[in-house]
Amino acid sequence: MRAAATRGRANLYRGCLMPSCNEPRHYARGLCATHYYLARGLVRRQQITWGELEVAGRCYPSHGLGGRPENTSEAIDRLLYAQDCAPK
């Protein structure tokens, strides 16, 4: 059962996107942990952007699930307000 559940994902994630990397598992954006943190460092130092890496085929687009809001309580309030105002 487990093999069948992961079979579809095996084609989606084939390991790190860097050509010289043999790491079979990806960490984030299609990169292994080592290459992800190297790329993140370059982006933080403004030497390259995630968009440029995506266009070059060196990473996948962000899923937008990570990150931390600057003020967590305000983010929670906005979420709760959106749920309260949603049509029922």
N, C-alpha and C. Protein backbone atom coordinates (compact mmCIF):
# COMPACT_ATOMS: atom_id res chain seq x y z
N MET A 1 0.83 -1.19 0.00
CA MET A 1 0.00 0.00 0.00
C MET A 1 0.87 1.25 0.00
N ARG A 2 1.91 1.27 0.79
CA ARG A 2 2.77 2.45 0.89
C ARG A 2 3.47 2.72 -0.44
N ALA A 3 3.93 1.68 -1.11
CA ALA A 3 4.61 1.87 -2.39
C ALA A 3 3.66 2.50 -3.41
N ALA A 4 2.41 2.09 -3.39
CA ALA A 4 1.44 2.66 -4.33
C ALA A 4 1.17 4.12 -4.01
N ALA A 5 1.17 4.47 -2.73
CA ALA A 5 0.90 5.85 -2.33
C ALA A 5 2.03 6.79 -2.74
N THR A 6 3.26 6.32 -2.78
CA THR A 6 4.39 7.18 -3.11
C THR A 6 4.78 7.09 -4.57
N ARG A 7 4.20 6.18 -5.32
CA ARG A 7 4.59 5.99 -6.72
C ARG A 7 4.40 7.25 -7.54
N GLY A 8 3.30 7.99 -7.34
CA GLY A 8 3.04 9.20 -8.09
C GLY A 8 4.03 10.31 -7.78
N ARG A 9 4.46 10.38 -6.53
CA ARG A 9 5.41 11.41 -6.13
C ARG A 9 6.82 11.13 -6.62
N ALA A 10 7.13 9.87 -6.87
CA ALA A 10 8.48 9.52 -7.31
C ALA A 10 8.82 10.19 -8.64
N ASN A 11 7.83 10.33 -9.52
CA ASN A 11 8.07 10.99 -10.79
C ASN A 11 8.17 12.50 -10.65
N LEU A 12 7.47 13.06 -9.66
CA LEU A 12 7.48 14.50 -9.47
C LEU A 12 8.80 14.97 -8.87
N TYR A 13 9.33 14.25 -7.90
CA TYR A 13 10.56 14.65 -7.22
C TYR A 13 11.64 13.62 -7.50
N ARG A 14 12.55 13.95 -8.37
CA ARG A 14 13.59 13.01 -8.75
C ARG A 14 14.92 13.31 -8.07
N GLY A 15 14.90 14.06 -7.03
CA GLY A 15 16.13 14.42 -6.36
C GLY A 15 16.50 15.86 -6.66
N CYS A 16 17.69 16.22 -6.27
CA CYS A 16 18.17 17.59 -6.42
C CYS A 16 18.26 17.96 -7.90
N LEU A 17 17.88 19.20 -8.23
CA LEU A 17 17.89 19.67 -9.61
C LEU A 17 19.29 20.08 -10.10
N MET A 18 20.23 20.21 -9.19
CA MET A 18 21.59 20.57 -9.62
C MET A 18 22.21 19.39 -10.35
N PRO A 19 22.74 19.61 -11.56
CA PRO A 19 23.22 18.50 -12.38
C PRO A 19 24.32 17.67 -11.74
N SER A 20 25.18 18.28 -10.97
CA SER A 20 26.31 17.55 -10.40
C SER A 20 25.97 16.87 -9.07
N CYS A 21 24.73 17.03 -8.59
CA CYS A 21 24.36 16.49 -7.28
C CYS A 21 23.73 15.10 -7.42
N ASN A 22 24.16 14.19 -6.58
CA ASN A 22 23.63 12.82 -6.60
C ASN A 22 22.66 12.56 -5.46
N GLU A 23 22.28 13.60 -4.72
CA GLU A 23 21.36 13.43 -3.60
C GLU A 23 19.99 13.02 -4.14
N PRO A 24 19.49 11.85 -3.74
CA PRO A 24 18.21 11.37 -4.29
C PRO A 24 16.98 12.07 -3.72
N ARG A 25 17.13 12.74 -2.58
CA ARG A 25 15.98 13.38 -1.95
C ARG A 25 16.07 14.89 -2.12
N HIS A 26 14.93 15.53 -2.27
CA HIS A 26 14.91 16.99 -2.32
C HIS A 26 14.50 17.52 -0.97
N TYR A 27 14.92 18.73 -0.67
CA TYR A 27 14.60 19.38 0.60
C TYR A 27 13.52 20.44 0.38
N ALA A 28 13.79 21.37 -0.54
CA ALA A 28 12.83 22.43 -0.85
C ALA A 28 13.13 22.96 -2.24
N ARG A 29 12.08 23.35 -2.96
CA ARG A 29 12.21 23.91 -4.31
C ARG A 29 12.96 22.98 -5.25
N GLY A 30 12.91 21.68 -5.00
CA GLY A 30 13.56 20.72 -5.87
C GLY A 30 15.05 20.58 -5.62
N LEU A 31 15.56 21.19 -4.56
CA LEU A 31 16.98 21.13 -4.24
C LEU A 31 17.21 20.32 -2.97
N CYS A 32 18.37 19.69 -2.89
CA CYS A 32 18.75 19.03 -1.64
C CYS A 32 19.02 20.14 -0.61
N ALA A 33 19.15 19.77 0.64
CA ALA A 33 19.35 20.77 1.70
C ALA A 33 20.60 21.61 1.45
N THR A 34 21.68 20.98 1.04
CA THR A 34 22.93 21.71 0.81
C THR A 34 22.76 22.77 -0.27
N HIS A 35 22.20 22.39 -1.41
CA HIS A 35 22.04 23.34 -2.50
C HIS A 35 20.95 24.37 -2.22
N TYR A 36 19.93 23.99 -1.47
CA TYR A 36 18.90 24.96 -1.11
C TYR A 36 19.49 26.08 -0.26
N TYR A 37 20.27 25.71 0.77
CA TYR A 37 20.84 26.73 1.64
C TYR A 37 21.90 27.56 0.93
N LEU A 38 22.62 26.97 0.00
CA LEU A 38 23.56 27.75 -0.81
C LEU A 38 22.81 28.77 -1.66
N ALA A 39 21.74 28.33 -2.32
CA ALA A 39 20.94 29.23 -3.15
C ALA A 39 20.28 30.31 -2.30
N ARG A 40 19.77 29.92 -1.15
CA ARG A 40 19.12 30.89 -0.26
C ARG A 40 20.11 31.97 0.18
N GLY A 41 21.34 31.55 0.44
CA GLY A 41 22.37 32.52 0.82
C GLY A 41 22.65 33.51 -0.29
N LEU A 42 22.71 33.03 -1.53
CA LEU A 42 22.92 33.92 -2.68
C LEU A 42 21.76 34.89 -2.84
N VAL A 43 20.54 34.39 -2.63
CA VAL A 43 19.36 35.25 -2.75
C VAL A 43 19.38 36.31 -1.65
N ARG A 44 19.72 35.92 -0.43
CA ARG A 44 19.75 36.88 0.68
C ARG A 44 20.82 37.95 0.49
N ARG A 45 21.92 37.57 -0.16
CA ARG A 45 22.99 38.54 -0.44
C ARG A 45 22.71 39.31 -1.73
N GLN A 46 21.54 39.08 -2.31
CA GLN A 46 21.07 39.76 -3.52
C GLN A 46 22.02 39.56 -4.70
N GLN A 47 22.63 38.39 -4.78
CA GLN A 47 23.48 38.07 -5.92
C GLN A 47 22.67 37.42 -7.04
N ILE A 48 21.49 36.89 -6.70
CA ILE A 48 20.59 36.27 -7.67
C ILE A 48 19.20 36.26 -7.05
N THR A 49 18.19 36.04 -7.86
CA THR A 49 16.82 35.96 -7.32
C THR A 49 16.29 34.54 -7.53
N TRP A 50 15.25 34.21 -6.77
CA TRP A 50 14.62 32.90 -6.96
C TRP A 50 14.04 32.81 -8.37
N GLY A 51 13.53 33.92 -8.88
CA GLY A 51 12.97 33.93 -10.23
C GLY A 51 14.02 33.58 -11.28
N GLU A 52 15.23 34.12 -11.13
CA GLU A 52 16.30 33.80 -12.07
C GLU A 52 16.68 32.33 -11.99
N LEU A 53 16.69 31.79 -10.78
CA LEU A 53 17.00 30.36 -10.61
C LEU A 53 15.90 29.50 -11.24
N GLU A 54 14.65 29.92 -11.10
CA GLU A 54 13.53 29.18 -11.70
C GLU A 54 13.64 29.18 -13.22
N VAL A 55 13.92 30.35 -13.81
CA VAL A 55 14.03 30.46 -15.26
C VAL A 55 15.17 29.59 -15.78
N ALA A 56 16.26 29.52 -15.01
CA ALA A 56 17.41 28.72 -15.41
C ALA A 56 17.17 27.23 -15.18
N GLY A 57 16.05 26.87 -14.55
CA GLY A 57 15.74 25.47 -14.30
C GLY A 57 16.51 24.88 -13.12
N ARG A 58 17.00 25.74 -12.24
CA ARG A 58 17.78 25.28 -11.09
C ARG A 58 16.96 25.13 -9.82
N CYS A 59 15.69 25.53 -9.86
CA CYS A 59 14.80 25.30 -8.71
C CYS A 59 13.36 25.38 -9.18
N TYR A 60 12.47 24.81 -8.40
CA TYR A 60 11.04 24.90 -8.67
C TYR A 60 10.48 26.17 -8.03
N PRO A 61 9.32 26.63 -8.48
CA PRO A 61 8.69 27.78 -7.83
C PRO A 61 8.31 27.45 -6.39
N SER A 62 8.21 28.48 -5.59
CA SER A 62 7.81 28.32 -4.20
C SER A 62 6.35 27.92 -4.13
N HIS A 63 6.03 27.11 -3.14
CA HIS A 63 4.63 26.74 -2.92
C HIS A 63 3.94 27.75 -2.03
N GLY A 64 4.71 28.67 -1.46
CA GLY A 64 4.13 29.72 -0.63
C GLY A 64 3.68 29.25 0.73
N LEU A 65 4.15 28.10 1.17
CA LEU A 65 3.72 27.57 2.47
C LEU A 65 4.63 27.97 3.60
N GLY A 66 5.85 28.34 3.31
CA GLY A 66 6.81 28.66 4.36
C GLY A 66 6.76 30.12 4.75
N GLY A 67 7.77 30.51 5.47
CA GLY A 67 7.87 31.90 5.88
C GLY A 67 7.15 32.16 7.19
N ARG A 68 7.41 33.31 7.74
CA ARG A 68 6.82 33.68 9.01
C ARG A 68 6.31 35.11 8.90
N PRO A 69 5.05 35.35 9.23
CA PRO A 69 4.57 36.73 9.19
C PRO A 69 5.32 37.58 10.21
N GLU A 70 5.45 38.85 9.92
CA GLU A 70 6.18 39.72 10.84
C GLU A 70 5.49 39.81 12.18
N ASN A 71 4.19 39.84 12.19
CA ASN A 71 3.45 39.88 13.45
C ASN A 71 2.44 38.74 13.42
N THR A 72 2.77 37.66 14.11
CA THR A 72 1.96 36.44 14.05
C THR A 72 0.54 36.68 14.55
N SER A 73 0.37 37.45 15.61
CA SER A 73 -0.98 37.66 16.14
C SER A 73 -1.86 38.41 15.13
N GLU A 74 -1.27 39.37 14.39
CA GLU A 74 -2.05 40.06 13.36
C GLU A 74 -2.43 39.11 12.23
N ALA A 75 -1.52 38.22 11.86
CA ALA A 75 -1.81 37.26 10.80
C ALA A 75 -2.94 36.32 11.22
N ILE A 76 -2.92 35.90 12.46
CA ILE A 76 -3.99 35.02 12.97
C ILE A 76 -5.31 35.77 13.00
N ASP A 77 -5.28 37.03 13.43
CA ASP A 77 -6.51 37.83 13.44
C ASP A 77 -7.08 37.97 12.04
N ARG A 78 -6.22 38.22 11.03
CA ARG A 78 -6.69 38.34 9.65
C ARG A 78 -7.31 37.03 9.17
N LEU A 79 -6.70 35.91 9.53
CA LEU A 79 -7.22 34.61 9.13
C LEU A 79 -8.59 34.36 9.76
N LEU A 80 -8.70 34.63 11.04
CA LEU A 80 -9.97 34.42 11.73
C LEU A 80 -11.04 35.35 11.18
N TYR A 81 -10.69 36.59 10.88
CA TYR A 81 -11.65 37.54 10.30
C TYR A 81 -12.13 37.04 8.94
N ALA A 82 -11.18 36.52 8.13
CA ALA A 82 -11.56 36.01 6.81
C ALA A 82 -12.51 34.83 6.93
N GLN A 83 -12.31 34.00 7.94
CA GLN A 83 -13.20 32.84 8.13
C GLN A 83 -14.57 33.29 8.63
N ASP A 84 -14.59 34.32 9.49
CA ASP A 84 -15.87 34.84 9.99
C ASP A 84 -16.69 35.49 8.90
N CYS A 85 -16.01 36.11 7.94
CA CYS A 85 -16.70 36.85 6.88
C CYS A 85 -17.02 35.98 5.66
N ALA A 86 -16.54 34.76 5.66
CA ALA A 86 -16.76 33.88 4.51
C ALA A 86 -18.25 33.52 4.42
N PRO A 87 -18.76 33.43 3.18
CA PRO A 87 -20.17 33.04 3.01
C PRO A 87 -20.40 31.63 3.55
N LYS A 88 -21.54 31.46 4.15
CA LYS A 88 -21.82 30.15 4.76
C LYS A 88 -22.93 29.44 4.03
